[in-house]
Amino acid sequence: MTCDEVRLRLSLHVYGELSFNEEEAVETHLAGCEACRVALERTRLMHEAWDEMEAAPAPTMLASSRRELMARVAVARESKGWATRLAERLGLKWKLVSPIWQPLGAMALLVAGYLGARVGPLAPGRPDEASLAAPLASRVRYVEPETAGRVRVVVEEARQRVLTGRPDDEAIRRLLMAAARDPGDPGLRAESVNLLRGQLDSEDVRATLLYEVQHDPNAGVRLAALEGLKQFAGDPQMRRVLTQVLLSDRNPGVRSEVIDVLVEKRSDDVVGTLQELMHGEENQDVRDRCERVLASWKASAGTF
């Protein structure tokens, strides 16, 4: 196989989905191609990061669902069916009204409610008029006729604030640090960490990135934070934290990167941590990296 053919099959190879002949051909190629072995490791790390991602519902979803449920319950309690009331007013029997007029009337009410919420002008003096300057997203959730010719329209509204500024602005930096700890959106956390990496002169920013390395559930976010902290490899507090991460992080890619950061400065603590890691490390690449570092420092691969 050529390199292009092998790399097209790397994802399938990671998950064991290749046929026996294809897998054998890929393994044969990988044995003699360093570039494709590197590509395979990148593919494996990428899929591990994807596997660790969790789809979390938006924080506002539960509250929104409850509001909609309560609105529908209230409508059901306070009103009869619109077709029943129309039939009563016209003196017609339900069977004559239901088949033809019910769907047409429902469509008319939906259109009227939608247009009224989206493009209808506001009456003078309405409370909403004072807030038109703020961005407003609205959606008609439910419409239902009431008595005396009135219509109930349930509208879901959400207002947003848009702030712009440089990442080193205090307010923007605070928002980025808050976004870096958002529990429901790993993409938001990763982008925030990448933006904060240019503000590492701030002690708060360094503390935020160090927290992400320790606690973020997504390996991609932990790697992004670790990349920003590499320039502080000599900081004693950071080295203490990273030695704990090295022994506890479940992702071999993160452990490998932590080793690269720690070996920037040789110390007895790092030697002992690498020796301890060798006892329980299952990933061969990480074991090989530990052995190479210990050998270069003329240290034993075992503890005594």
C-alpha atoms as a PDB file:
ATOM      1  CA  MET A   1       0.000   0.000   0.000  1.00  0.00           C
ATOM      2  CA  THR A   2       1.036   3.606  -0.592  1.00  0.00           C
ATOM      3  CA  CYS A   3       1.076   6.161   2.229  1.00  0.00           C
ATOM      4  CA  ASP A   4      -2.142   7.753   0.946  1.00  0.00           C
ATOM      5  CA  GLU A   5      -3.930   4.410   0.874  1.00  0.00           C
ATOM      6  CA  VAL A   6      -2.778   3.575   4.397  1.00  0.00           C
ATOM      7  CA  ARG A   7      -3.811   6.940   5.852  1.00  0.00           C
ATOM      8  CA  LEU A   8      -7.283   6.586   4.389  1.00  0.00           C
ATOM      9  CA  ARG A   9      -7.639   3.410   6.463  1.00  0.00           C
ATOM     10  CA  LEU A  10      -6.083   4.561   9.757  1.00  0.00           C
ATOM     11  CA  SER A  11      -9.394   5.314  11.486  1.00  0.00           C
ATOM     12  CA  LEU A  12     -10.750   1.885  10.561  1.00  0.00           C
ATOM     13  CA  HIS A  13      -7.478   0.335  11.688  1.00  0.00           C
ATOM     14  CA  VAL A  14      -7.734   2.011  15.117  1.00  0.00           C
ATOM     15  CA  TYR A  15     -11.148   0.447  15.677  1.00  0.00           C
ATOM     16  CA  GLY A  16     -10.242  -2.970  14.215  1.00  0.00           C
ATOM     17  CA  GLU A  17     -12.673  -2.643  11.303  1.00  0.00           C
ATOM     18  CA  LEU A  18     -10.331  -3.646   8.477  1.00  0.00           C
ATOM     19  CA  SER A  19     -10.462  -7.024   6.801  1.00  0.00           C
ATOM     20  CA  PHE A  20      -7.673  -9.459   7.608  1.00  0.00           C
ATOM     21  CA  ASN A  21      -5.834  -8.805   4.311  1.00  0.00           C
ATOM     22  CA  GLU A  22      -6.148  -5.021   4.620  1.00  0.00           C
ATOM     23  CA  GLU A  23      -4.988  -5.047   8.227  1.00  0.00           C
ATOM     24  CA  GLU A  24      -1.961  -7.146   7.314  1.00  0.00           C
ATOM     25  CA  ALA A  25      -1.091  -4.797   4.439  1.00  0.00           C
ATOM     26  CA  VAL A  26      -1.420  -1.736   6.691  1.00  0.00           C
ATOM     27  CA  GLU A  27       0.717  -3.311   9.428  1.00  0.00           C
ATOM     28  CA  THR A  28       3.387  -4.216   6.888  1.00  0.00           C
ATOM     29  CA  HIS A  29       3.487  -0.646   5.608  1.00  0.00           C
ATOM     30  CA  LEU A  30       3.568   0.845   9.121  1.00  0.00           C
ATOM     31  CA  ALA A  31       6.509  -1.331  10.073  1.00  0.00           C
ATOM     32  CA  GLY A  32       8.673   0.431   7.496  1.00  0.00           C
ATOM     33  CA  CYS A  33       7.166   3.958   7.408  1.00  0.00           C
ATOM     34  CA  GLU A  34       7.878   6.359  10.277  1.00  0.00           C
ATOM     35  CA  ALA A  35       5.632   9.111   8.843  1.00  0.00           C
ATOM     36  CA  CYS A  36       2.607   6.813   8.759  1.00  0.00           C
ATOM     37  CA  ARG A  37       3.302   5.607  12.303  1.00  0.00           C
ATOM     38  CA  VAL A  38       3.222   9.232  13.437  1.00  0.00           C
ATOM     39  CA  ALA A  39      -0.041   9.723  11.517  1.00  0.00           C
ATOM     40  CA  LEU A  40      -1.457   6.609  13.209  1.00  0.00           C
ATOM     41  CA  GLU A  41      -0.619   7.969  16.663  1.00  0.00           C
ATOM     42  CA  ARG A  42      -2.248  11.303  15.826  1.00  0.00           C
ATOM     43  CA  THR A  43      -5.348   9.458  14.604  1.00  0.00           C
ATOM     44  CA  ARG A  44      -5.462   7.359  17.763  1.00  0.00           C
ATOM     45  CA  LEU A  45      -5.179  10.431  20.006  1.00  0.00           C
ATOM     46  CA  MET A  46      -7.864  12.218  18.020  1.00  0.00           C
ATOM     47  CA  HIS A  47     -10.302   9.314  18.389  1.00  0.00           C
ATOM     48  CA  GLU A  48      -9.522   8.995  22.084  1.00  0.00           C
ATOM     49  CA  ALA A  49     -10.353  12.683  22.499  1.00  0.00           C
ATOM     50  CA  TRP A  50     -13.628  12.177  20.621  1.00  0.00           C
ATOM     51  CA  ASP A  51     -14.480   9.127  22.741  1.00  0.00           C
ATOM     52  CA  GLU A  52     -14.070  11.184  25.920  1.00  0.00           C
ATOM     53  CA  MET A  53     -16.395  13.942  24.748  1.00  0.00           C
ATOM     54  CA  GLU A  54     -19.828  13.922  26.340  1.00  0.00           C
ATOM     55  CA  ALA A  55     -22.880  15.504  24.761  1.00  0.00           C
ATOM     56  CA  ALA A  56     -24.368  17.658  27.502  1.00  0.00           C
ATOM     57  CA  PRO A  57     -27.706  19.442  27.161  1.00  0.00           C
ATOM     58  CA  ALA A  58     -27.713  23.228  27.269  1.00  0.00           C
ATOM     59  CA  PRO A  59     -28.131  24.580  30.836  1.00  0.00           C
ATOM     60  CA  THR A  60     -31.307  26.415  29.783  1.00  0.00           C
ATOM     61  CA  MET A  61     -32.997  23.364  28.250  1.00  0.00           C
ATOM     62  CA  LEU A  62     -34.596  22.092  31.466  1.00  0.00           C
ATOM     63  CA  ALA A  63     -35.979  25.494  32.421  1.00  0.00           C
ATOM     64  CA  SER A  64     -37.287  26.044  28.894  1.00  0.00           C
ATOM     65  CA  SER A  65     -39.005  22.644  28.852  1.00  0.00           C
ATOM     66  CA  ARG A  66     -40.640  23.323  32.192  1.00  0.00           C
ATOM     67  CA  ARG A  67     -41.930  26.713  31.040  1.00  0.00           C
ATOM     68  CA  GLU A  68     -43.412  25.200  27.911  1.00  0.00           C
ATOM     69  CA  LEU A  69     -45.031  22.366  29.877  1.00  0.00           C
ATOM     70  CA  MET A  70     -46.602  24.769  32.372  1.00  0.00           C
ATOM     71  CA  ALA A  71     -47.925  26.971  29.554  1.00  0.00           C
ATOM     72  CA  ARG A  72     -49.547  24.001  27.828  1.00  0.00           C
ATOM     73  CA  VAL A  73     -51.054  22.718  31.087  1.00  0.00           C
ATOM     74  CA  ALA A  74     -52.496  26.165  31.823  1.00  0.00           C
ATOM     75  CA  VAL A  75     -54.021  26.383  28.352  1.00  0.00           C
ATOM     76  CA  ALA A  76     -55.558  22.927  28.664  1.00  0.00           C
ATOM     77  CA  ARG A  77     -57.131  23.800  32.003  1.00  0.00           C
ATOM     78  CA  GLU A  78     -58.497  27.213  31.071  1.00  0.00           C
ATOM     79  CA  SER A  79     -59.981  26.564  27.659  1.00  0.00           C
ATOM     80  CA  LYS A  80     -62.040  24.129  25.687  1.00  0.00           C
ATOM     81  CA  GLY A  81     -61.048  23.115  22.226  1.00  0.00           C
ATOM     82  CA  TRP A  82     -61.471  26.025  19.803  1.00  0.00           C
ATOM     83  CA  ALA A  83     -63.462  23.926  17.347  1.00  0.00           C
ATOM     84  CA  THR A  84     -65.933  22.952  20.056  1.00  0.00           C
ATOM     85  CA  ARG A  85     -66.555  26.603  20.973  1.00  0.00           C
ATOM     86  CA  LEU A  86     -66.948  27.587  17.317  1.00  0.00           C
ATOM     87  CA  ALA A  87     -69.477  24.819  16.786  1.00  0.00           C
ATOM     88  CA  GLU A  88     -71.435  25.928  19.862  1.00  0.00           C
ATOM     89  CA  ARG A  89     -71.597  29.553  18.625  1.00  0.00           C
ATOM     90  CA  LEU A  90     -72.713  28.557  15.156  1.00  0.00           C
ATOM     91  CA  GLY A  91     -75.186  26.015  16.439  1.00  0.00           C
ATOM     92  CA  LEU A  92     -73.473  23.246  14.474  1.00  0.00           C
ATOM     93  CA  LYS A  93     -72.697  19.748  15.524  1.00  0.00           C
ATOM     94  CA  TRP A  94     -69.053  18.756  16.062  1.00  0.00           C
ATOM     95  CA  LYS A  95     -69.123  16.147  13.336  1.00  0.00           C
ATOM     96  CA  LEU A  96     -69.899  18.826  10.741  1.00  0.00           C
ATOM     97  CA  VAL A  97     -67.110  21.146  11.878  1.00  0.00           C
ATOM     98  CA  SER A  98     -64.259  18.825  12.734  1.00  0.00           C
ATOM     99  CA  PRO A  99     -63.224  17.235   9.423  1.00  0.00           C
ATOM    100  CA  ILE A 100     -62.968  20.416   7.338  1.00  0.00           C
ATOM    101  CA  TRP A 101     -62.529  23.496   9.490  1.00  0.00           C
ATOM    102  CA  GLN A 102     -60.333  22.235  12.312  1.00  0.00           C
ATOM    103  CA  PRO A 103     -57.038  21.931  10.357  1.00  0.00           C
ATOM    104  CA  LEU A 104     -57.699  25.159   8.438  1.00  0.00           C
ATOM    105  CA  GLY A 105     -58.431  27.083  11.611  1.00  0.00           C
ATOM    106  CA  ALA A 106     -55.376  25.696  13.355  1.00  0.00           C
ATOM    107  CA  MET A 107     -53.146  26.734  10.465  1.00  0.00           C
ATOM    108  CA  ALA A 108     -54.653  30.232  10.439  1.00  0.00           C
ATOM    109  CA  LEU A 109     -54.006  30.656  14.167  1.00  0.00           C
ATOM    110  CA  LEU A 110     -50.416  29.441  13.828  1.00  0.00           C
ATOM    111  CA  VAL A 111     -49.707  31.845  10.989  1.00  0.00           C
ATOM    112  CA  ALA A 112     -51.295  34.740  12.860  1.00  0.00           C
ATOM    113  CA  GLY A 113     -49.369  33.980  16.026  1.00  0.00           C
ATOM    114  CA  TYR A 114     -46.064  33.587  14.183  1.00  0.00           C
ATOM    115  CA  LEU A 115     -46.440  36.814  12.208  1.00  0.00           C
ATOM    116  CA  GLY A 116     -47.622  38.700  15.251  1.00  0.00           C
ATOM    117  CA  ALA A 117     -44.574  37.656  17.281  1.00  0.00           C
ATOM    118  CA  ARG A 118     -42.017  38.070  14.503  1.00  0.00           C
ATOM    119  CA  VAL A 119     -43.027  41.161  12.551  1.00  0.00           C
ATOM    120  CA  GLY A 120     -46.052  42.697  14.262  1.00  0.00           C
ATOM    121  CA  PRO A 121     -45.572  46.299  15.505  1.00  0.00           C
ATOM    122  CA  LEU A 122     -45.520  46.965  19.211  1.00  0.00           C
ATOM    123  CA  ALA A 123     -48.370  48.966  20.662  1.00  0.00           C
ATOM    124  CA  PRO A 124     -47.315  52.326  22.173  1.00  0.00           C
ATOM    125  CA  GLY A 125     -46.489  52.143  25.828  1.00  0.00           C
ATOM    126  CA  ARG A 126     -45.877  48.387  25.953  1.00  0.00           C
ATOM    127  CA  PRO A 127     -43.096  47.352  28.398  1.00  0.00           C
ATOM    128  CA  ASP A 128     -41.204  45.545  25.638  1.00  0.00           C
ATOM    129  CA  GLU A 129     -40.730  48.788  23.756  1.00  0.00           C
ATOM    130  CA  ALA A 130     -38.067  50.012  26.175  1.00  0.00           C
ATOM    131  CA  SER A 131     -35.870  46.951  25.564  1.00  0.00           C
ATOM    132  CA  LEU A 132     -35.718  47.011  21.769  1.00  0.00           C
ATOM    133  CA  ALA A 133     -32.073  48.122  21.848  1.00  0.00           C
ATOM    134  CA  ALA A 134     -31.014  44.729  23.250  1.00  0.00           C
ATOM    135  CA  PRO A 135     -30.681  41.798  20.802  1.00  0.00           C
ATOM    136  CA  LEU A 136     -33.811  39.652  21.075  1.00  0.00           C
ATOM    137  CA  ALA A 137     -34.408  36.158  19.747  1.00  0.00           C
ATOM    138  CA  SER A 138     -38.043  35.081  19.926  1.00  0.00           C
ATOM    139  CA  ARG A 139     -39.883  31.955  18.928  1.00  0.00           C
ATOM    140  CA  VAL A 140     -43.595  31.228  19.019  1.00  0.00           C
ATOM    141  CA  ARG A 141     -43.989  28.078  21.077  1.00  0.00           C
ATOM    142  CA  TYR A 142     -47.768  27.723  21.302  1.00  0.00           C
ATOM    143  CA  VAL A 143     -50.998  29.484  20.238  1.00  0.00           C
ATOM    144  CA  GLU A 144     -54.525  28.959  21.541  1.00  0.00           C
ATOM    145  CA  PRO A 145     -57.732  31.014  21.266  1.00  0.00           C
ATOM    146  CA  GLU A 146     -59.309  32.404  24.414  1.00  0.00           C
ATOM    147  CA  THR A 147     -62.756  33.732  25.150  1.00  0.00           C
ATOM    148  CA  ALA A 148     -64.102  37.015  23.737  1.00  0.00           C
ATOM    149  CA  GLY A 149     -62.141  36.631  20.525  1.00  0.00           C
ATOM    150  CA  ARG A 150     -58.706  36.845  22.175  1.00  0.00           C
ATOM    151  CA  VAL A 151     -55.730  34.639  21.355  1.00  0.00           C
ATOM    152  CA  ARG A 152     -53.060  33.353  23.728  1.00  0.00           C
ATOM    153  CA  VAL A 153     -49.579  33.234  22.178  1.00  0.00           C
ATOM    154  CA  VAL A 154     -46.704  31.689  24.152  1.00  0.00           C
ATOM    155  CA  VAL A 155     -43.413  33.269  23.007  1.00  0.00           C
ATOM    156  CA  GLU A 156     -39.987  32.080  24.108  1.00  0.00           C
ATOM    157  CA  GLU A 157     -37.501  34.949  24.270  1.00  0.00           C
ATOM    158  CA  ALA A 158     -33.770  35.058  24.900  1.00  0.00           C
ATOM    159  CA  ARG A 159     -31.691  38.210  25.110  1.00  0.00           C
ATOM    160  CA  GLN A 160     -27.965  38.175  24.407  1.00  0.00           C
ATOM    161  CA  ARG A 161     -25.177  40.618  25.158  1.00  0.00           C
ATOM    162  CA  VAL A 162     -22.283  40.946  22.750  1.00  0.00           C
ATOM    163  CA  LEU A 163     -18.981  42.156  24.181  1.00  0.00           C
ATOM    164  CA  THR A 164     -15.862  42.810  22.131  1.00  0.00           C
ATOM    165  CA  GLY A 165     -12.351  43.647  23.228  1.00  0.00           C
ATOM    166  CA  ARG A 166      -8.782  42.458  23.375  1.00  0.00           C
ATOM    167  CA  PRO A 167      -7.977  39.274  25.306  1.00  0.00           C
ATOM    168  CA  ASP A 168      -5.836  41.317  27.698  1.00  0.00           C
ATOM    169  CA  ASP A 169      -8.790  43.541  28.667  1.00  0.00           C
ATOM    170  CA  GLU A 170      -9.726  42.714  32.252  1.00  0.00           C
ATOM    171  CA  ALA A 171     -13.418  42.100  31.539  1.00  0.00           C
ATOM    172  CA  ILE A 172     -12.719  39.935  28.469  1.00  0.00           C
ATOM    173  CA  ARG A 173     -10.056  37.957  30.307  1.00  0.00           C
ATOM    174  CA  ARG A 174     -12.449  37.261  33.196  1.00  0.00           C
ATOM    175  CA  LEU A 175     -15.113  36.037  30.789  1.00  0.00           C
ATOM    176  CA  LEU A 176     -12.608  33.802  28.996  1.00  0.00           C
ATOM    177  CA  MET A 177     -11.517  32.264  32.309  1.00  0.00           C
ATOM    178  CA  ALA A 178     -15.157  31.610  33.183  1.00  0.00           C
ATOM    179  CA  ALA A 179     -15.771  30.064  29.741  1.00  0.00           C
ATOM    180  CA  ALA A 180     -12.707  27.836  30.201  1.00  0.00           C
ATOM    181  CA  ARG A 181     -14.573  26.110  33.053  1.00  0.00           C
ATOM    182  CA  ASP A 182     -17.936  25.807  31.311  1.00  0.00           C
ATOM    183  CA  PRO A 183     -19.085  22.271  32.184  1.00  0.00           C
ATOM    184  CA  GLY A 184     -21.240  21.697  29.128  1.00  0.00           C
ATOM    185  CA  ASP A 185     -19.190  22.758  26.098  1.00  0.00           C
ATOM    186  CA  PRO A 186     -15.681  21.308  25.531  1.00  0.00           C
ATOM    187  CA  GLY A 187     -15.354  23.280  22.285  1.00  0.00           C
ATOM    188  CA  LEU A 188     -15.952  26.536  24.156  1.00  0.00           C
ATOM    189  CA  ARG A 189     -13.418  25.529  26.808  1.00  0.00           C
ATOM    190  CA  ALA A 190     -10.775  24.641  24.209  1.00  0.00           C
ATOM    191  CA  GLU A 191     -11.206  27.922  22.305  1.00  0.00           C
ATOM    192  CA  SER A 192     -11.090  29.924  25.550  1.00  0.00           C
ATOM    193  CA  VAL A 193      -7.907  28.146  26.659  1.00  0.00           C
ATOM    194  CA  ASN A 194      -6.276  28.870  23.290  1.00  0.00           C
ATOM    195  CA  LEU A 195      -7.087  32.582  23.653  1.00  0.00           C
ATOM    196  CA  LEU A 196      -5.834  32.675  27.244  1.00  0.00           C
ATOM    197  CA  ARG A 197      -2.468  31.216  26.246  1.00  0.00           C
ATOM    198  CA  GLY A 198      -1.425  34.705  25.136  1.00  0.00           C
ATOM    199  CA  GLN A 199      -2.115  36.148  28.622  1.00  0.00           C
ATOM    200  CA  LEU A 200       0.158  33.981  30.732  1.00  0.00           C
ATOM    201  CA  ASP A 201       1.702  36.976  32.463  1.00  0.00           C
ATOM    202  CA  SER A 202      -1.469  36.920  34.603  1.00  0.00           C
ATOM    203  CA  GLU A 203      -1.268  34.638  37.625  1.00  0.00           C
ATOM    204  CA  ASP A 204      -5.026  34.027  37.414  1.00  0.00           C
ATOM    205  CA  VAL A 205      -4.706  32.816  33.830  1.00  0.00           C
ATOM    206  CA  ARG A 206      -1.880  30.423  34.729  1.00  0.00           C
ATOM    207  CA  ALA A 207      -3.986  29.091  37.606  1.00  0.00           C
ATOM    208  CA  THR A 208      -6.924  28.576  35.239  1.00  0.00           C
ATOM    209  CA  LEU A 209      -4.823  26.619  32.737  1.00  0.00           C
ATOM    210  CA  LEU A 210      -3.288  24.550  35.503  1.00  0.00           C
ATOM    211  CA  TYR A 211      -6.783  23.736  36.769  1.00  0.00           C
ATOM    212  CA  GLU A 212      -7.804  22.630  33.262  1.00  0.00           C
ATOM    213  CA  VAL A 213      -4.788  20.323  33.006  1.00  0.00           C
ATOM    214  CA  GLN A 214      -5.825  18.661  36.263  1.00  0.00           C
ATOM    215  CA  HIS A 215      -9.603  18.538  36.025  1.00  0.00           C
ATOM    216  CA  ASP A 216     -10.986  19.036  32.514  1.00  0.00           C
ATOM    217  CA  PRO A 217     -12.773  15.837  31.371  1.00  0.00           C
ATOM    218  CA  ASN A 218     -11.762  16.393  27.740  1.00  0.00           C
ATOM    219  CA  ALA A 219      -8.242  15.336  26.750  1.00  0.00           C
ATOM    220  CA  GLY A 220      -8.100  17.899  23.942  1.00  0.00           C
ATOM    221  CA  VAL A 221      -8.710  20.749  26.392  1.00  0.00           C
ATOM    222  CA  ARG A 222      -6.094  19.366  28.796  1.00  0.00           C
ATOM    223  CA  LEU A 223      -3.550  19.202  25.973  1.00  0.00           C
ATOM    224  CA  ALA A 224      -4.329  22.786  24.901  1.00  0.00           C
ATOM    225  CA  ALA A 225      -3.817  24.048  28.462  1.00  0.00           C
ATOM    226  CA  LEU A 226      -0.609  22.039  28.812  1.00  0.00           C
ATOM    227  CA  GLU A 227       0.775  23.538  25.608  1.00  0.00           C
ATOM    228  CA  GLY A 228       0.357  27.018  27.071  1.00  0.00           C
ATOM    229  CA  LEU A 229       2.148  26.094  30.284  1.00  0.00           C
ATOM    230  CA  LYS A 230       5.288  24.648  28.673  1.00  0.00           C
ATOM    231  CA  GLN A 231       7.192  27.916  29.027  1.00  0.00           C
ATOM    232  CA  PHE A 232       6.809  27.633  32.816  1.00  0.00           C
ATOM    233  CA  ALA A 233       8.419  24.200  33.018  1.00  0.00           C
ATOM    234  CA  GLY A 234      10.749  25.382  35.784  1.00  0.00           C
ATOM    235  CA  ASP A 235       7.995  26.638  38.106  1.00  0.00           C
ATOM    236  CA  PRO A 236       8.028  24.462  41.267  1.00  0.00           C
ATOM    237  CA  GLN A 237       4.268  24.615  41.862  1.00  0.00           C
ATOM    238  CA  MET A 238       3.495  23.638  38.299  1.00  0.00           C
ATOM    239  CA  ARG A 239       5.964  20.751  38.409  1.00  0.00           C
ATOM    240  CA  ARG A 240       4.339  19.399  41.574  1.00  0.00           C
ATOM    241  CA  VAL A 241       0.936  19.475  39.915  1.00  0.00           C
ATOM    242  CA  LEU A 242       2.203  17.898  36.699  1.00  0.00           C
ATOM    243  CA  THR A 243       3.849  15.001  38.534  1.00  0.00           C
ATOM    244  CA  GLN A 244       0.420  14.193  39.983  1.00  0.00           C
ATOM    245  CA  VAL A 245      -1.171  14.501  36.535  1.00  0.00           C
ATOM    246  CA  LEU A 246       1.440  12.168  35.072  1.00  0.00           C
ATOM    247  CA  LEU A 247       0.481   9.430  37.530  1.00  0.00           C
ATOM    248  CA  SER A 248      -3.300   9.929  37.346  1.00  0.00           C
ATOM    249  CA  ASP A 249      -4.276  11.064  33.825  1.00  0.00           C
ATOM    250  CA  ARG A 250      -5.910   8.259  31.814  1.00  0.00           C
ATOM    251  CA  ASN A 251      -4.941   9.595  28.379  1.00  0.00           C
ATOM    252  CA  PRO A 252      -1.538   8.399  27.090  1.00  0.00           C
ATOM    253  CA  GLY A 253      -1.184  11.455  24.857  1.00  0.00           C
ATOM    254  CA  VAL A 254      -1.520  13.760  27.857  1.00  0.00           C
ATOM    255  CA  ARG A 255       0.960  11.678  29.863  1.00  0.00           C
ATOM    256  CA  SER A 256       3.480  11.854  27.021  1.00  0.00           C
ATOM    257  CA  GLU A 257       3.165  15.642  26.812  1.00  0.00           C
ATOM    258  CA  VAL A 258       3.559  15.969  30.585  1.00  0.00           C
ATOM    259  CA  ILE A 259       6.789  13.972  30.374  1.00  0.00           C
ATOM    260  CA  ASP A 260       8.086  16.368  27.714  1.00  0.00           C
ATOM    261  CA  VAL A 261       7.373  19.329  29.997  1.00  0.00           C
ATOM    262  CA  LEU A 262       8.883  17.785  33.117  1.00  0.00           C
ATOM    263  CA  VAL A 263      12.115  16.631  31.480  1.00  0.00           C
ATOM    264  CA  GLU A 264      12.995  20.222  30.556  1.00  0.00           C
ATOM    265  CA  LYS A 265      14.605  20.325  34.000  1.00  0.00           C
ATOM    266  CA  ARG A 266      16.127  17.262  35.655  1.00  0.00           C
ATOM    267  CA  SER A 267      15.300  16.702  39.317  1.00  0.00           C
ATOM    268  CA  ASP A 268      15.210  13.788  41.739  1.00  0.00           C
ATOM    269  CA  ASP A 269      11.438  14.178  42.052  1.00  0.00           C
ATOM    270  CA  VAL A 270      10.947  13.747  38.321  1.00  0.00           C
ATOM    271  CA  VAL A 271      13.267  10.716  38.267  1.00  0.00           C
ATOM    272  CA  GLY A 272      11.252   9.099  41.051  1.00  0.00           C
ATOM    273  CA  THR A 273       7.951   9.893  39.318  1.00  0.00           C
ATOM    274  CA  LEU A 274       9.113   8.359  36.030  1.00  0.00           C
ATOM    275  CA  GLN A 275      10.332   5.261  37.847  1.00  0.00           C
ATOM    276  CA  GLU A 276       6.985   4.971  39.640  1.00  0.00           C
ATOM    277  CA  LEU A 277       5.123   5.424  36.357  1.00  0.00           C
ATOM    278  CA  MET A 278       7.054   2.526  34.802  1.00  0.00           C
ATOM    279  CA  HIS A 279       5.526   0.086  37.331  1.00  0.00           C
ATOM    280  CA  GLY A 280       1.941   0.494  36.141  1.00  0.00           C
ATOM    281  CA  GLU A 281       2.189   2.052  32.672  1.00  0.00           C
ATOM    282  CA  GLU A 282       0.383  -0.009  30.047  1.00  0.00           C
ATOM    283  CA  ASN A 283       0.976   2.187  27.003  1.00  0.00           C
ATOM    284  CA  GLN A 284       4.136   1.086  25.227  1.00  0.00           C
ATOM    285  CA  ASP A 285       4.891   4.508  23.729  1.00  0.00           C
ATOM    286  CA  VAL A 286       4.783   6.139  27.168  1.00  0.00           C
ATOM    287  CA  ARG A 287       6.960   3.376  28.625  1.00  0.00           C
ATOM    288  CA  ASP A 288       9.496   3.833  25.832  1.00  0.00           C
ATOM    289  CA  ARG A 289       9.586   7.568  26.425  1.00  0.00           C
ATOM    290  CA  CYS A 290      10.173   7.071  30.152  1.00  0.00           C
ATOM    291  CA  GLU A 291      12.963   4.596  29.489  1.00  0.00           C
ATOM    292  CA  ARG A 292      14.700   6.943  27.053  1.00  0.00           C
ATOM    293  CA  VAL A 293      14.569   9.845  29.514  1.00  0.00           C
ATOM    294  CA  LEU A 294      15.829   7.750  32.424  1.00  0.00           C
ATOM    295  CA  ALA A 295      18.590   6.295  30.285  1.00  0.00           C
ATOM    296  CA  SER A 296      19.713   9.775  29.185  1.00  0.00           C
ATOM    297  CA  TRP A 297      19.869  10.768  32.868  1.00  0.00           C
ATOM    298  CA  LYS A 298      21.761   7.550  33.676  1.00  0.00           C
ATOM    299  CA  ALA A 299      18.966   6.530  36.069  1.00  0.00           C
ATOM    300  CA  SER A 300      17.514   3.074  36.575  1.00  0.00           C
ATOM    301  CA  ALA A 301      14.109   2.239  35.096  1.00  0.00           C
ATOM    302  CA  GLY A 302      13.071   0.706  38.436  1.00  0.00           C
ATOM    303  CA  THR A 303      12.802   1.966  42.004  1.00  0.00           C
ATOM    304  CA  PHE A 304      14.830   0.626  44.908  1.00  0.00           C
END
